[in-house]
N, C-alpha and C. Protein backbone atom coordinates (compact mmCIF):
# COMPACT_ATOMS: atom_id res chain seq x y z
N MET A 1 109.21 122.23 109.13
CA MET A 1 108.45 123.19 109.93
C MET A 1 108.87 124.60 109.57
N GLU A 2 108.11 125.25 108.77
CA GLU A 2 108.38 126.61 108.32
C GLU A 2 107.80 127.60 109.33
N ARG A 3 108.50 128.66 109.56
CA ARG A 3 108.06 129.69 110.50
C ARG A 3 107.04 130.58 109.80
N ASN A 4 105.86 130.68 110.39
CA ASN A 4 104.80 131.52 109.81
C ASN A 4 104.58 132.79 110.61
N ALA A 5 104.62 132.70 111.91
CA ALA A 5 104.34 133.86 112.76
C ALA A 5 105.62 134.60 113.12
N GLN A 6 105.47 135.86 113.44
CA GLN A 6 106.61 136.65 113.89
C GLN A 6 106.99 136.19 115.29
N ILE A 7 108.28 136.07 115.53
CA ILE A 7 108.73 135.66 116.85
C ILE A 7 108.97 136.90 117.70
N SER A 8 108.73 136.77 119.00
CA SER A 8 108.82 137.95 119.86
C SER A 8 109.89 137.84 120.93
N GLY A 9 110.54 136.68 121.04
CA GLY A 9 111.56 136.54 122.06
C GLY A 9 112.42 135.31 121.85
N ILE A 10 113.43 135.20 122.67
CA ILE A 10 114.34 134.06 122.60
C ILE A 10 113.59 132.76 122.83
N GLY A 11 112.57 132.78 123.69
CA GLY A 11 111.77 131.59 123.95
C GLY A 11 111.10 131.07 122.68
N ASP A 12 110.67 131.99 121.81
CA ASP A 12 110.07 131.58 120.53
C ASP A 12 111.11 130.91 119.63
N ILE A 13 112.34 131.42 119.67
CA ILE A 13 113.41 130.81 118.88
C ILE A 13 113.64 129.38 119.37
N PHE A 14 113.72 129.20 120.68
CA PHE A 14 113.92 127.86 121.24
C PHE A 14 112.76 126.94 120.90
N ALA A 15 111.54 127.46 120.95
CA ALA A 15 110.37 126.64 120.62
C ALA A 15 110.42 126.18 119.17
N LEU A 16 110.79 127.07 118.27
CA LEU A 16 110.92 126.69 116.86
C LEU A 16 112.00 125.63 116.68
N LEU A 17 113.13 125.83 117.35
CA LEU A 17 114.23 124.87 117.22
C LEU A 17 113.87 123.52 117.83
N ALA A 18 113.13 123.53 118.91
CA ALA A 18 112.73 122.26 119.53
C ALA A 18 111.86 121.44 118.58
N GLY A 19 111.07 122.12 117.76
CA GLY A 19 110.24 121.42 116.80
C GLY A 19 110.97 121.01 115.53
N ALA A 20 112.08 121.68 115.23
CA ALA A 20 112.77 121.43 113.96
C ALA A 20 114.08 120.67 114.11
N SER A 21 114.57 120.51 115.33
CA SER A 21 115.90 119.94 115.51
C SER A 21 115.92 118.91 116.63
N ALA A 22 116.72 117.88 116.42
CA ALA A 22 116.93 116.90 117.48
C ALA A 22 117.91 117.44 118.52
N ARG A 23 118.68 118.46 118.16
CA ARG A 23 119.65 119.07 119.06
C ARG A 23 119.46 120.59 119.06
N PRO A 24 118.38 121.08 119.67
CA PRO A 24 118.09 122.52 119.58
C PRO A 24 119.12 123.42 120.24
N ARG A 25 119.74 122.97 121.33
CA ARG A 25 120.76 123.83 121.98
C ARG A 25 121.98 123.99 121.09
N TYR A 26 122.38 122.91 120.43
CA TYR A 26 123.52 122.98 119.51
C TYR A 26 123.19 123.90 118.34
N ALA A 27 121.99 123.76 117.80
CA ALA A 27 121.57 124.62 116.69
C ALA A 27 121.54 126.08 117.13
N PHE A 28 121.10 126.34 118.36
CA PHE A 28 121.08 127.71 118.85
C PHE A 28 122.49 128.28 118.97
N LEU A 29 123.44 127.46 119.40
CA LEU A 29 124.84 127.93 119.46
C LEU A 29 125.35 128.28 118.07
N VAL A 30 125.02 127.45 117.09
CA VAL A 30 125.43 127.74 115.71
C VAL A 30 124.79 129.06 115.26
N LEU A 31 123.52 129.26 115.56
CA LEU A 31 122.84 130.50 115.20
C LEU A 31 123.54 131.70 115.84
N GLN A 32 123.90 131.59 117.09
CA GLN A 32 124.59 132.69 117.78
C GLN A 32 125.95 132.99 117.14
N LEU A 33 126.67 131.94 116.73
CA LEU A 33 127.98 132.15 116.11
C LEU A 33 127.86 132.78 114.73
N VAL A 34 126.81 132.44 114.00
CA VAL A 34 126.64 132.96 112.64
C VAL A 34 126.14 134.40 112.65
N ALA A 35 125.40 134.78 113.66
CA ALA A 35 124.75 136.09 113.71
C ALA A 35 125.76 137.19 114.01
N ASP A 36 126.44 137.65 112.97
CA ASP A 36 127.35 138.77 113.16
C ASP A 36 126.55 140.07 113.04
N ALA A 37 127.20 141.19 113.01
CA ALA A 37 126.50 142.47 113.00
C ALA A 37 125.63 142.64 111.76
N ARG A 38 126.02 142.05 110.64
CA ARG A 38 125.25 142.18 109.41
C ARG A 38 124.16 141.12 109.29
N GLY A 39 124.30 140.03 110.05
CA GLY A 39 123.35 138.93 109.94
C GLY A 39 123.68 138.01 108.79
N LYS A 40 124.88 138.13 108.25
CA LYS A 40 125.30 137.34 107.10
C LYS A 40 126.74 136.92 107.32
N ALA A 41 127.04 135.65 107.05
CA ALA A 41 128.41 135.18 107.23
C ALA A 41 128.76 134.20 106.13
N GLY A 42 130.01 134.26 105.70
CA GLY A 42 130.52 133.28 104.75
C GLY A 42 130.70 133.88 103.38
N PRO A 43 131.17 133.10 102.44
CA PRO A 43 131.62 131.73 102.59
C PRO A 43 133.00 131.61 103.23
N ILE A 44 133.78 132.68 103.13
CA ILE A 44 135.14 132.66 103.70
C ILE A 44 135.22 133.78 104.72
N ILE A 45 135.79 133.45 105.87
CA ILE A 45 135.98 134.45 106.91
C ILE A 45 137.46 134.54 107.23
N SER A 46 137.85 135.58 107.93
CA SER A 46 139.23 135.73 108.35
C SER A 46 139.33 135.26 109.80
N ALA A 47 140.08 134.21 110.02
CA ALA A 47 140.27 133.67 111.37
C ALA A 47 141.76 133.74 111.70
N GLY A 48 142.10 134.63 112.59
CA GLY A 48 143.50 134.78 112.96
C GLY A 48 144.35 135.32 111.82
N GLY A 49 143.75 136.11 110.94
CA GLY A 49 144.48 136.71 109.84
C GLY A 49 144.58 135.84 108.60
N SER A 50 144.08 134.62 108.66
CA SER A 50 144.13 133.76 107.47
C SER A 50 142.71 133.38 107.06
N PRO A 51 142.49 133.23 105.76
CA PRO A 51 141.14 132.89 105.30
C PRO A 51 140.76 131.45 105.66
N MET A 52 139.49 131.27 105.98
CA MET A 52 139.00 129.95 106.39
C MET A 52 137.54 129.84 105.97
N LEU A 53 137.13 128.64 105.56
CA LEU A 53 135.73 128.43 105.24
C LEU A 53 134.89 128.55 106.50
N LEU A 54 133.73 129.15 106.37
CA LEU A 54 132.87 129.40 107.52
C LEU A 54 132.50 128.11 108.25
N ARG A 55 132.16 127.07 107.51
CA ARG A 55 131.74 125.82 108.16
C ARG A 55 132.89 125.22 108.96
N ASP A 56 134.12 125.31 108.44
CA ASP A 56 135.28 124.80 109.18
C ASP A 56 135.52 125.61 110.45
N TRP A 57 135.32 126.94 110.36
CA TRP A 57 135.49 127.78 111.53
C TRP A 57 134.44 127.44 112.59
N LEU A 58 133.17 127.28 112.17
CA LEU A 58 132.12 126.92 113.11
C LEU A 58 132.44 125.60 113.80
N CYS A 59 132.93 124.64 113.02
CA CYS A 59 133.30 123.34 113.58
C CYS A 59 134.39 123.51 114.64
N GLY A 60 135.38 124.31 114.35
CA GLY A 60 136.46 124.56 115.31
C GLY A 60 135.97 125.24 116.58
N GLN A 61 135.01 126.16 116.43
CA GLN A 61 134.47 126.85 117.60
C GLN A 61 133.66 125.92 118.50
N LEU A 62 133.01 124.93 117.91
CA LEU A 62 132.15 124.03 118.66
C LEU A 62 132.85 122.74 119.08
N MET A 63 134.06 122.53 118.62
CA MET A 63 134.80 121.31 118.92
C MET A 63 134.99 121.08 120.43
N PRO A 64 135.23 122.11 121.25
CA PRO A 64 135.40 121.85 122.69
C PRO A 64 134.17 121.20 123.34
N MET A 65 132.99 121.39 122.75
CA MET A 65 131.79 120.76 123.32
C MET A 65 131.86 119.24 123.24
N SER A 66 132.59 118.73 122.26
CA SER A 66 132.62 117.28 122.05
C SER A 66 133.90 116.64 122.57
N SER A 67 134.71 117.39 123.25
CA SER A 67 135.99 116.84 123.71
C SER A 67 135.85 116.13 125.04
N GLN A 68 135.15 115.01 125.02
CA GLN A 68 135.01 114.19 126.21
C GLN A 68 136.04 113.07 126.12
N PRO A 69 136.85 112.88 127.15
CA PRO A 69 137.94 111.91 127.09
C PRO A 69 137.50 110.50 126.71
N ALA A 70 136.40 110.02 127.24
CA ALA A 70 135.96 108.66 126.92
C ALA A 70 135.57 108.53 125.46
N ARG A 71 134.88 109.52 124.92
CA ARG A 71 134.49 109.48 123.52
C ARG A 71 135.72 109.58 122.61
N ARG A 72 136.66 110.44 122.98
CA ARG A 72 137.87 110.60 122.17
C ARG A 72 138.70 109.32 122.19
N ALA A 73 138.76 108.64 123.34
CA ALA A 73 139.49 107.37 123.44
C ALA A 73 138.84 106.31 122.56
N GLY A 74 137.52 106.27 122.54
CA GLY A 74 136.81 105.33 121.69
C GLY A 74 137.06 105.61 120.22
N LEU A 75 137.04 106.89 119.84
CA LEU A 75 137.34 107.27 118.47
C LEU A 75 138.76 106.89 118.10
N ARG A 76 139.69 107.12 119.02
CA ARG A 76 141.09 106.78 118.77
C ARG A 76 141.24 105.27 118.55
N ALA A 77 140.54 104.45 119.34
CA ALA A 77 140.62 103.00 119.18
C ALA A 77 140.05 102.57 117.83
N ARG A 78 138.92 103.16 117.42
CA ARG A 78 138.32 102.81 116.12
C ARG A 78 139.21 103.22 114.97
N VAL A 79 139.80 104.41 115.05
CA VAL A 79 140.68 104.89 113.99
C VAL A 79 141.95 104.04 113.92
N THR A 80 142.50 103.69 115.06
CA THR A 80 143.71 102.84 115.09
C THR A 80 143.44 101.50 114.44
N ALA A 81 142.30 100.92 114.73
CA ALA A 81 141.93 99.63 114.12
C ALA A 81 141.74 99.78 112.62
N ALA A 82 141.17 100.91 112.18
CA ALA A 82 140.90 101.12 110.76
C ALA A 82 142.18 101.34 109.95
N ILE A 83 143.19 101.96 110.54
CA ILE A 83 144.42 102.25 109.78
C ILE A 83 145.58 101.35 110.20
N ALA A 84 145.28 100.25 110.85
CA ALA A 84 146.35 99.37 111.35
C ALA A 84 147.28 98.91 110.23
N GLY A 85 146.76 98.68 109.04
CA GLY A 85 147.58 98.23 107.93
C GLY A 85 148.49 99.31 107.37
N GLU A 86 148.22 100.57 107.67
CA GLU A 86 149.02 101.68 107.16
C GLU A 86 150.15 102.09 108.11
N LEU A 87 150.17 101.53 109.31
CA LEU A 87 151.18 101.92 110.30
C LEU A 87 152.50 101.24 109.99
N CYS A 88 153.60 101.92 110.30
CA CYS A 88 154.93 101.44 109.93
C CYS A 88 155.64 100.66 111.04
N GLY A 89 155.18 100.75 112.25
CA GLY A 89 155.83 100.05 113.36
C GLY A 89 156.67 100.96 114.24
N ASP A 90 156.99 102.17 113.77
CA ASP A 90 157.73 103.14 114.58
C ASP A 90 156.71 103.83 115.49
N PRO A 91 156.84 103.69 116.83
CA PRO A 91 155.83 104.23 117.74
C PRO A 91 155.62 105.74 117.60
N VAL A 92 156.67 106.49 117.36
CA VAL A 92 156.54 107.95 117.27
C VAL A 92 155.80 108.34 115.99
N ARG A 93 156.21 107.80 114.86
CA ARG A 93 155.55 108.12 113.58
C ARG A 93 154.12 107.58 113.56
N ASP A 94 153.92 106.40 114.14
CA ASP A 94 152.58 105.84 114.19
C ASP A 94 151.65 106.69 115.06
N ALA A 95 152.17 107.21 116.17
CA ALA A 95 151.36 108.07 117.05
C ALA A 95 150.96 109.35 116.33
N VAL A 96 151.88 109.92 115.55
CA VAL A 96 151.57 111.12 114.78
C VAL A 96 150.51 110.81 113.73
N ARG A 97 150.66 109.70 113.04
CA ARG A 97 149.69 109.30 112.00
C ARG A 97 148.31 109.04 112.62
N ILE A 98 148.27 108.40 113.77
CA ILE A 98 146.99 108.14 114.45
C ILE A 98 146.35 109.45 114.90
N ASP A 99 147.15 110.35 115.46
CA ASP A 99 146.63 111.65 115.89
C ASP A 99 146.03 112.42 114.72
N GLN A 100 146.72 112.39 113.56
CA GLN A 100 146.20 113.07 112.37
C GLN A 100 144.88 112.46 111.93
N ALA A 101 144.82 111.13 111.91
CA ALA A 101 143.60 110.45 111.48
C ALA A 101 142.44 110.71 112.45
N VAL A 102 142.73 110.75 113.75
CA VAL A 102 141.69 111.05 114.73
C VAL A 102 141.18 112.47 114.53
N GLU A 103 142.08 113.41 114.31
CA GLU A 103 141.69 114.79 114.09
C GLU A 103 140.85 114.94 112.82
N GLU A 104 141.25 114.26 111.75
CA GLU A 104 140.48 114.29 110.50
C GLU A 104 139.07 113.75 110.72
N GLN A 105 138.96 112.65 111.45
CA GLN A 105 137.66 112.05 111.72
C GLN A 105 136.80 112.97 112.58
N ALA A 106 137.40 113.58 113.60
CA ALA A 106 136.66 114.49 114.47
C ALA A 106 136.16 115.71 113.69
N LEU A 107 137.00 116.23 112.78
CA LEU A 107 136.58 117.37 111.96
C LEU A 107 135.46 116.98 110.99
N ALA A 108 135.54 115.78 110.42
CA ALA A 108 134.49 115.32 109.51
C ALA A 108 133.15 115.21 110.24
N VAL A 109 133.18 114.65 111.44
CA VAL A 109 131.96 114.54 112.24
C VAL A 109 131.46 115.93 112.64
N GLY A 110 132.38 116.79 113.03
CA GLY A 110 132.01 118.14 113.44
C GLY A 110 131.39 118.95 112.32
N THR A 111 131.96 118.88 111.11
CA THR A 111 131.37 119.63 109.99
C THR A 111 130.01 119.05 109.61
N ALA A 112 129.84 117.75 109.72
CA ALA A 112 128.52 117.15 109.46
C ALA A 112 127.51 117.63 110.50
N ASN A 113 127.91 117.75 111.76
CA ASN A 113 127.02 118.26 112.81
C ASN A 113 126.63 119.71 112.55
N VAL A 114 127.60 120.52 112.11
CA VAL A 114 127.31 121.92 111.80
C VAL A 114 126.33 122.00 110.62
N SER A 115 126.56 121.19 109.59
CA SER A 115 125.66 121.19 108.44
C SER A 115 124.25 120.78 108.84
N ARG A 116 124.14 119.79 109.70
CA ARG A 116 122.84 119.34 110.19
C ARG A 116 122.14 120.46 110.98
N ALA A 117 122.90 121.17 111.81
CA ALA A 117 122.33 122.27 112.59
C ALA A 117 121.87 123.40 111.67
N ILE A 118 122.64 123.70 110.63
CA ILE A 118 122.26 124.74 109.68
C ILE A 118 120.98 124.34 108.96
N SER A 119 120.87 123.07 108.58
CA SER A 119 119.63 122.59 107.94
C SER A 119 118.45 122.74 108.88
N ASP A 120 118.65 122.44 110.16
CA ASP A 120 117.58 122.60 111.14
C ASP A 120 117.17 124.07 111.28
N LEU A 121 118.16 124.96 111.29
CA LEU A 121 117.87 126.39 111.40
C LEU A 121 117.12 126.89 110.17
N ALA A 122 117.50 126.41 108.99
CA ALA A 122 116.79 126.80 107.77
C ALA A 122 115.38 126.23 107.76
N ARG A 123 115.21 124.99 108.22
CA ARG A 123 113.89 124.37 108.28
C ARG A 123 112.98 125.13 109.25
N ALA A 124 113.55 125.64 110.34
CA ALA A 124 112.77 126.41 111.31
C ALA A 124 112.47 127.82 110.82
N GLY A 125 113.09 128.25 109.72
CA GLY A 125 112.85 129.58 109.18
C GLY A 125 113.62 130.67 109.88
N LEU A 126 114.67 130.30 110.61
CA LEU A 126 115.46 131.28 111.34
C LEU A 126 116.61 131.85 110.52
N MET A 127 117.00 131.12 109.49
CA MET A 127 118.06 131.60 108.60
C MET A 127 117.87 130.98 107.23
N THR A 128 118.54 131.56 106.28
CA THR A 128 118.57 131.02 104.92
C THR A 128 120.03 130.79 104.56
N ARG A 129 120.23 130.02 103.51
CA ARG A 129 121.59 129.82 103.01
C ARG A 129 121.56 129.84 101.50
N HIS A 130 122.63 130.30 100.96
CA HIS A 130 122.84 130.21 99.52
C HIS A 130 124.32 129.93 99.32
N TYR A 131 124.70 129.73 98.12
CA TYR A 131 126.07 129.32 97.84
C TYR A 131 126.74 130.37 96.98
N ALA A 132 127.99 130.68 97.31
CA ALA A 132 128.77 131.66 96.58
C ALA A 132 130.15 131.07 96.36
N GLY A 133 130.83 131.59 95.36
CA GLY A 133 132.17 131.05 95.19
C GLY A 133 132.81 131.39 93.88
N TYR A 134 133.31 130.37 93.22
CA TYR A 134 134.24 130.48 92.12
C TYR A 134 133.85 131.54 91.09
N ALA A 135 132.73 131.40 90.41
CA ALA A 135 132.42 132.32 89.32
C ALA A 135 131.33 133.32 89.69
N THR A 136 130.32 132.87 90.37
CA THR A 136 129.18 133.74 90.64
C THR A 136 128.39 133.17 91.80
N ASN A 137 127.55 133.97 92.37
CA ASN A 137 126.63 133.44 93.37
C ASN A 137 125.71 132.45 92.70
N HIS A 138 125.35 131.42 93.40
CA HIS A 138 124.57 130.36 92.79
C HIS A 138 123.75 129.66 93.86
N GLU A 139 122.54 129.27 93.54
CA GLU A 139 121.66 128.61 94.50
C GLU A 139 122.10 127.18 94.79
N ASN A 140 122.74 126.53 93.86
CA ASN A 140 123.12 125.12 94.02
C ASN A 140 124.58 124.99 94.42
N ARG A 141 124.83 124.02 95.29
CA ARG A 141 126.21 123.80 95.72
C ARG A 141 127.00 123.09 94.62
N GLY A 142 128.30 123.05 94.80
CA GLY A 142 129.17 122.40 93.83
C GLY A 142 129.95 123.42 93.03
N GLY A 143 130.89 122.96 92.25
CA GLY A 143 131.64 123.84 91.38
C GLY A 143 132.47 124.86 92.12
N GLY A 144 133.02 124.50 93.28
CA GLY A 144 133.86 125.43 94.03
C GLY A 144 133.07 126.48 94.79
N ARG A 145 131.79 126.25 94.97
CA ARG A 145 130.95 127.20 95.71
C ARG A 145 130.80 126.74 97.15
N HIS A 146 130.70 127.70 98.05
CA HIS A 146 130.58 127.38 99.47
C HIS A 146 129.43 128.17 100.07
N ALA A 147 128.96 127.72 101.21
CA ALA A 147 127.74 128.26 101.82
C ALA A 147 127.93 129.64 102.42
N VAL A 148 126.89 130.44 102.26
CA VAL A 148 126.74 131.73 102.92
C VAL A 148 125.46 131.61 103.75
N TYR A 149 125.53 131.96 105.02
CA TYR A 149 124.38 131.85 105.91
C TYR A 149 123.87 133.25 106.23
N VAL A 150 122.55 133.42 106.16
CA VAL A 150 121.93 134.71 106.41
C VAL A 150 120.86 134.53 107.48
N VAL A 151 121.03 135.21 108.60
CA VAL A 151 120.06 135.16 109.70
C VAL A 151 118.92 136.11 109.38
N GLU A 152 117.70 135.66 109.60
CA GLU A 152 116.53 136.49 109.33
C GLU A 152 116.60 137.77 110.19
N PRO A 153 116.19 138.91 109.64
CA PRO A 153 116.34 140.19 110.36
C PRO A 153 115.67 140.23 111.73
N ASP A 154 114.45 139.68 111.85
CA ASP A 154 113.79 139.74 113.16
C ASP A 154 114.48 138.85 114.18
N VAL A 155 115.07 137.75 113.73
CA VAL A 155 115.84 136.87 114.62
C VAL A 155 117.12 137.56 115.04
N LEU A 156 117.79 138.19 114.10
CA LEU A 156 119.02 138.93 114.40
C LEU A 156 118.74 140.03 115.41
N ARG A 157 117.63 140.73 115.25
CA ARG A 157 117.28 141.80 116.19
C ARG A 157 117.13 141.25 117.61
N LEU A 158 116.51 140.08 117.73
CA LEU A 158 116.34 139.48 119.06
C LEU A 158 117.66 139.01 119.64
N LEU A 159 118.54 138.50 118.80
CA LEU A 159 119.83 138.02 119.29
C LEU A 159 120.73 139.17 119.72
N ARG A 160 120.54 140.33 119.15
CA ARG A 160 121.36 141.50 119.48
C ARG A 160 120.71 142.39 120.52
N LYS A 161 119.50 142.06 120.95
CA LYS A 161 118.77 142.88 121.92
C LYS A 161 119.47 142.82 123.27
N PRO A 162 119.73 143.99 123.88
CA PRO A 162 120.38 143.96 125.19
C PRO A 162 119.47 143.32 126.24
N VAL A 163 120.08 142.61 127.13
CA VAL A 163 119.34 141.95 128.20
C VAL A 163 119.00 142.97 129.27
N ALA A 164 117.75 143.00 129.67
CA ALA A 164 117.32 143.92 130.71
C ALA A 164 117.86 143.45 132.06
N THR A 165 118.40 144.38 132.81
CA THR A 165 118.90 144.04 134.14
C THR A 165 117.84 144.42 135.16
N PRO A 166 117.62 143.58 136.14
CA PRO A 166 116.59 143.91 137.13
C PRO A 166 117.01 145.12 137.96
N THR A 167 116.04 145.94 138.28
CA THR A 167 116.34 147.10 139.12
C THR A 167 116.30 146.66 140.57
N ALA A 168 117.10 147.30 141.36
CA ALA A 168 117.15 146.97 142.78
C ALA A 168 115.89 147.49 143.45
N ARG A 169 115.21 146.62 144.14
CA ARG A 169 114.00 147.01 144.86
C ARG A 169 114.27 146.94 146.35
N ARG A 170 113.66 147.83 147.04
CA ARG A 170 113.78 147.81 148.49
C ARG A 170 112.86 146.71 149.01
N PRO A 171 113.38 145.86 149.85
CA PRO A 171 112.52 144.81 150.38
C PRO A 171 111.37 145.40 151.18
N PHE A 172 110.27 144.67 151.24
CA PHE A 172 109.08 145.16 151.93
C PHE A 172 109.38 145.39 153.41
N ALA A 173 110.01 144.45 154.06
CA ALA A 173 110.30 144.60 155.49
C ALA A 173 111.70 145.18 155.66
N PRO A 174 111.84 146.08 156.63
CA PRO A 174 113.18 146.64 156.86
C PRO A 174 114.11 145.57 157.44
N ARG A 175 115.41 145.75 157.14
CA ARG A 175 116.39 144.86 157.73
C ARG A 175 116.57 145.24 159.18
N GLN A 176 117.10 144.31 159.94
CA GLN A 176 117.30 144.58 161.36
C GLN A 176 118.25 145.77 161.50
N GLY A 177 117.87 146.68 162.35
CA GLY A 177 118.70 147.85 162.61
C GLY A 177 118.36 149.02 161.70
N GLU A 178 117.45 148.86 160.76
CA GLU A 178 117.04 149.94 159.88
C GLU A 178 115.61 150.36 160.19
N LEU A 179 115.36 151.63 160.00
CA LEU A 179 114.00 152.11 160.15
C LEU A 179 113.33 152.09 158.79
N PHE A 180 112.10 151.74 158.77
CA PHE A 180 111.35 151.66 157.53
C PHE A 180 110.73 153.03 157.26
N ALA A 181 111.13 153.63 156.18
CA ALA A 181 110.58 154.94 155.80
C ALA A 181 109.65 154.74 154.62
N ALA A 182 108.42 155.14 154.78
CA ALA A 182 107.44 154.93 153.73
C ALA A 182 107.42 156.05 152.78
């Protein structure tokens, strides 16, 4: 679903995402995180003073959304069963190994979710992506190249638009104890 018409509000962004994504709210959160002042992010950003790939940072920012105890317990049980042959029998070392494996699995799922959301945003025409990295900017991934995401200018303008605050209106009927002055 390519965007043909100019969008005029946040509602239009949601409508486009609803048609292009199975998870439009998640895709909208990704769009909000990517939309910096320039409308361009990646491939490497500075997070806490250290360089980090943009997709990994996005995954980390959205990870609290998926931290449901029941789901995490189920993931932990599946990972424990999968690596049972690699465990040494020491409860402390095994717990550390299981925690690492659970975290790796959660990050893999999270980065896949971010990539899916970015594809949905590109399909909706709200952003574009290209790849940059090792030797030169390049349209195709691979060879040490990583994604750069660019939010369309009209979408960026809407995301940065200040929200109008309602003005205080005097109610039609006076409150008890007040005189109504016309």
